[in-house]
Each structure stands twice: as structure tokens, then as C-alpha cells.
Amino acid sequence: MGFVHETINERRARRVRHKLRQSAPGKLRLSVYRSNLNLSAQIIDDTKGVTLVSASTMEKQLRKSIKNTRGMDAAIAIGKTVAERATKAGIKDVYFDRGAYRYTGRLKALADAAREAGLKF
């Protein structure tokens, strides 16, 4: 069962993605990656395997406006930025892929900011 060298986090992320794909087939996916230093989000079309929109604290434009790349302010800025870029690209409905991370703290702040900026999930 599962893959041979799969970690617990990888297994959890695969399980979360599988459940989301079952509940929302054909929808675009808002995937979030969180590290100790940075945060990034991207909207992915899984049918084509293409990233349509992305935002990250590693971008020069966002680093200028954020003091700390790992705080709540950074998460809110990423959420707003990815939602604004998505609306420019004509994307409104997505599903939120939290991966192996819990839906608290920075992830919740990012999701709330994206919802306030116009994304529906």
C-alpha cells in the first residue's frame, strides 16, 4: 500500500489531493507551498498540467512591500496577489489544496485574503 519511500507528509498530501479531485473534478487547483522562510501559491490546471497563475514571497515586487517573508502579512499579500492575478486571467472558481499542511495560521490567512480579493472556493 502506498509508495515504498513515501513520507507521512507526502502520503497526507496525496490523500488530500485525491479527496479534492473526487469532490471537484475539472476545477482548477490553488496549491500552496509553505517553508520556514517563504510562502508560494499557484493555480494549476491538472487536466493540462499547466500552472496558470502564481505568486511567491521570493518575487522582487512582493519582497519590497513585505517586511518579513514568513509572517502573516506575507501570507495576506500572497493571497491577495494570487487572487488579483487570477481575476485578470479570468479565473473565479478554484479548490484549495493545502497539501500536507494544516489549515491554520499562514495558510488560513492566505485563503481568507484570496477569498476577500474575489476567488471562490
C-alpha atoms as a PDB file:
ATOM      1  CA  MET A   1       0.000   0.000   0.000  1.00  0.00           C
ATOM      2  CA  GLY A   2       1.436   3.400  -0.938  1.00  0.00           C
ATOM      3  CA  PHE A   3       4.835   4.001  -2.376  1.00  0.00           C
ATOM      4  CA  VAL A   4       7.989   2.476  -0.956  1.00  0.00           C
ATOM      5  CA  HIS A   5       9.868   5.595   0.168  1.00  0.00           C
ATOM      6  CA  GLU A   6       6.899   7.861   0.768  1.00  0.00           C
ATOM      7  CA  THR A   7       6.974  10.037   3.875  1.00  0.00           C
ATOM      8  CA  ILE A   8       3.997  10.726   6.076  1.00  0.00           C
ATOM      9  CA  ASN A   9       3.683  14.267   4.702  1.00  0.00           C
ATOM     10  CA  GLU A  10       3.737  13.041   1.098  1.00  0.00           C
ATOM     11  CA  ARG A  11       1.085  10.456   1.896  1.00  0.00           C
ATOM     12  CA  ARG A  12      -1.107  13.079   3.592  1.00  0.00           C
ATOM     13  CA  ALA A  13      -0.731  15.468   0.647  1.00  0.00           C
ATOM     14  CA  ARG A  14      -1.631  12.728  -1.838  1.00  0.00           C
ATOM     15  CA  ARG A  15      -4.686  11.785   0.234  1.00  0.00           C
ATOM     16  CA  VAL A  16      -5.870  15.404   0.441  1.00  0.00           C
ATOM     17  CA  ARG A  17      -5.449  15.916  -3.315  1.00  0.00           C
ATOM     18  CA  HIS A  18      -7.278  12.693  -4.094  1.00  0.00           C
ATOM     19  CA  LYS A  19     -10.269  13.681  -1.964  1.00  0.00           C
ATOM     20  CA  LEU A  20     -10.374  17.146  -3.512  1.00  0.00           C
ATOM     21  CA  ARG A  21     -10.214  15.809  -7.068  1.00  0.00           C
ATOM     22  CA  GLN A  22     -13.105  13.467  -6.324  1.00  0.00           C
ATOM     23  CA  SER A  23     -15.286  16.276  -4.974  1.00  0.00           C
ATOM     24  CA  ALA A  24     -14.434  18.867  -7.668  1.00  0.00           C
ATOM     25  CA  PRO A  25     -13.486  17.206 -10.971  1.00  0.00           C
ATOM     26  CA  GLY A  26     -12.341  19.585 -13.691  1.00  0.00           C
ATOM     27  CA  LYS A  27     -11.853  22.555 -11.351  1.00  0.00           C
ATOM     28  CA  LEU A  28      -8.618  24.467 -11.105  1.00  0.00           C
ATOM     29  CA  ARG A  29      -6.452  23.900  -8.035  1.00  0.00           C
ATOM     30  CA  LEU A  30      -4.998  26.585  -5.758  1.00  0.00           C
ATOM     31  CA  SER A  31      -1.909  24.839  -4.403  1.00  0.00           C
ATOM     32  CA  VAL A  32       0.082  26.281  -1.510  1.00  0.00           C
ATOM     33  CA  TYR A  33       3.699  25.617  -0.555  1.00  0.00           C
ATOM     34  CA  ARG A  34       4.978  26.746   2.828  1.00  0.00           C
ATOM     35  CA  SER A  35       8.556  26.655   4.032  1.00  0.00           C
ATOM     36  CA  ASN A  36      10.226  28.197   7.051  1.00  0.00           C
ATOM     37  CA  LEU A  37      11.346  31.225   5.043  1.00  0.00           C
ATOM     38  CA  ASN A  38       8.891  31.613   2.152  1.00  0.00           C
ATOM     39  CA  LEU A  39       5.340  31.033   1.005  1.00  0.00           C
ATOM     40  CA  SER A  40       4.046  30.474  -2.503  1.00  0.00           C
ATOM     41  CA  ALA A  41       0.713  29.778  -4.142  1.00  0.00           C
ATOM     42  CA  GLN A  42      -0.180  28.766  -7.667  1.00  0.00           C
ATOM     43  CA  ILE A  43      -3.314  27.960  -9.597  1.00  0.00           C
ATOM     44  CA  ILE A  44      -2.874  24.775 -11.597  1.00  0.00           C
ATOM     45  CA  ASP A  45      -4.921  23.216 -14.390  1.00  0.00           C
ATOM     46  CA  ASP A  46      -4.457  19.497 -13.715  1.00  0.00           C
ATOM     47  CA  THR A  47      -6.060  18.389 -16.979  1.00  0.00           C
ATOM     48  CA  LYS A  48      -3.323  20.150 -18.975  1.00  0.00           C
ATOM     49  CA  GLY A  49      -0.627  20.024 -16.302  1.00  0.00           C
ATOM     50  CA  VAL A  50      -0.015  23.779 -16.530  1.00  0.00           C
ATOM     51  CA  THR A  51       0.441  26.487 -13.913  1.00  0.00           C
ATOM     52  CA  LEU A  52      -1.807  29.402 -14.870  1.00  0.00           C
ATOM     53  CA  VAL A  53      -1.142  31.929 -12.101  1.00  0.00           C
ATOM     54  CA  SER A  54       1.419  32.086  -9.307  1.00  0.00           C
ATOM     55  CA  ALA A  55       2.631  34.345  -6.512  1.00  0.00           C
ATOM     56  CA  SER A  56       5.518  33.938  -4.107  1.00  0.00           C
ATOM     57  CA  THR A  57       7.377  35.819  -1.405  1.00  0.00           C
ATOM     58  CA  MET A  58      10.514  35.250  -3.479  1.00  0.00           C
ATOM     59  CA  GLU A  59       9.338  37.750  -6.108  1.00  0.00           C
ATOM     60  CA  LYS A  60      11.161  41.075  -6.006  1.00  0.00           C
ATOM     61  CA  GLN A  61       7.947  43.129  -6.237  1.00  0.00           C
ATOM     62  CA  LEU A  62       6.418  41.460  -3.192  1.00  0.00           C
ATOM     63  CA  ARG A  63       9.626  41.468  -1.138  1.00  0.00           C
ATOM     64  CA  LYS A  64       9.711  45.267  -1.307  1.00  0.00           C
ATOM     65  CA  SER A  65       6.227  45.568   0.206  1.00  0.00           C
ATOM     66  CA  ILE A  66       6.704  42.885   2.899  1.00  0.00           C
ATOM     67  CA  LYS A  67       8.993  43.227   5.893  1.00  0.00           C
ATOM     68  CA  ASN A  68       9.057  39.566   6.867  1.00  0.00           C
ATOM     69  CA  THR A  69       8.590  36.866   4.219  1.00  0.00           C
ATOM     70  CA  ARG A  70       7.427  34.267   6.718  1.00  0.00           C
ATOM     71  CA  GLY A  71       4.770  36.196   8.636  1.00  0.00           C
ATOM     72  CA  MET A  72       1.032  36.685   8.423  1.00  0.00           C
ATOM     73  CA  ASP A  73       1.455  39.893   6.433  1.00  0.00           C
ATOM     74  CA  ALA A  74       3.282  37.935   3.758  1.00  0.00           C
ATOM     75  CA  ALA A  75       0.508  35.321   3.645  1.00  0.00           C
ATOM     76  CA  ILE A  76      -2.142  38.002   3.243  1.00  0.00           C
ATOM     77  CA  ALA A  77      -0.140  39.698   0.490  1.00  0.00           C
ATOM     78  CA  ILE A  78       0.314  36.393  -1.381  1.00  0.00           C
ATOM     79  CA  GLY A  79      -3.403  35.605  -1.088  1.00  0.00           C
ATOM     80  CA  LYS A  80      -4.414  38.994  -2.465  1.00  0.00           C
ATOM     81  CA  THR A  81      -1.817  38.875  -5.238  1.00  0.00           C
ATOM     82  CA  VAL A  82      -2.738  35.416  -6.469  1.00  0.00           C
ATOM     83  CA  ALA A  83      -6.446  36.332  -6.421  1.00  0.00           C
ATOM     84  CA  GLU A  84      -5.856  39.566  -8.351  1.00  0.00           C
ATOM     85  CA  ARG A  85      -3.763  37.761 -10.965  1.00  0.00           C
ATOM     86  CA  ALA A  86      -6.428  35.057 -11.227  1.00  0.00           C
ATOM     87  CA  THR A  87      -9.224  37.544 -11.836  1.00  0.00           C
ATOM     88  CA  LYS A  88      -7.118  39.188 -14.554  1.00  0.00           C
ATOM     89  CA  ALA A  89      -6.735  35.748 -16.141  1.00  0.00           C
ATOM     90  CA  GLY A  90     -10.497  35.150 -15.887  1.00  0.00           C
ATOM     91  CA  ILE A  91     -10.343  32.583 -13.085  1.00  0.00           C
ATOM     92  CA  LYS A  92     -13.002  32.735 -10.379  1.00  0.00           C
ATOM     93  CA  ASP A  93     -13.635  29.219  -9.041  1.00  0.00           C
ATOM     94  CA  VAL A  94     -10.851  27.019  -7.657  1.00  0.00           C
ATOM     95  CA  TYR A  95     -10.422  24.461  -4.938  1.00  0.00           C
ATOM     96  CA  PHE A  96      -7.920  24.988  -2.136  1.00  0.00           C
ATOM     97  CA  ASP A  97      -5.177  22.355  -1.961  1.00  0.00           C
ATOM     98  CA  ARG A  98      -3.487  22.706   1.412  1.00  0.00           C
ATOM     99  CA  GLY A  99      -1.207  19.747   0.733  1.00  0.00           C
ATOM    100  CA  ALA A 100       0.194  18.225   3.915  1.00  0.00           C
ATOM    101  CA  TYR A 101      -0.162  21.466   5.897  1.00  0.00           C
ATOM    102  CA  ARG A 102      -2.828  22.155   8.486  1.00  0.00           C
ATOM    103  CA  TYR A 103      -5.419  24.812   7.721  1.00  0.00           C
ATOM    104  CA  THR A 104      -4.303  27.270  10.407  1.00  0.00           C
ATOM    105  CA  GLY A 105      -2.078  30.308  10.711  1.00  0.00           C
ATOM    106  CA  ARG A 106      -0.458  31.465   7.491  1.00  0.00           C
ATOM    107  CA  LEU A 107      -2.473  29.089   5.284  1.00  0.00           C
ATOM    108  CA  LYS A 108      -5.768  30.288   6.717  1.00  0.00           C
ATOM    109  CA  ALA A 109      -4.688  33.923   6.340  1.00  0.00           C
ATOM    110  CA  LEU A 110      -3.724  33.293   2.702  1.00  0.00           C
ATOM    111  CA  ALA A 111      -7.051  31.575   1.975  1.00  0.00           C
ATOM    112  CA  ASP A 112      -9.096  34.325   3.658  1.00  0.00           C
ATOM    113  CA  ALA A 113      -7.217  37.047   1.762  1.00  0.00           C
ATOM    114  CA  ALA A 114      -7.767  35.228  -1.541  1.00  0.00           C
ATOM    115  CA  ARG A 115     -11.490  34.925  -0.794  1.00  0.00           C
ATOM    116  CA  GLU A 116     -11.747  38.624   0.082  1.00  0.00           C
ATOM    117  CA  ALA A 117      -9.977  39.517  -3.170  1.00  0.00           C
ATOM    118  CA  GLY A 118     -12.523  37.597  -5.251  1.00  0.00           C
ATOM    119  CA  LEU A 119     -11.633  33.921  -5.528  1.00  0.00           C
ATOM    120  CA  LYS A 120     -14.362  31.401  -4.728  1.00  0.00           C
ATOM    121  CA  PHE A 121     -13.554  28.112  -3.019  1.00  0.00           C
END
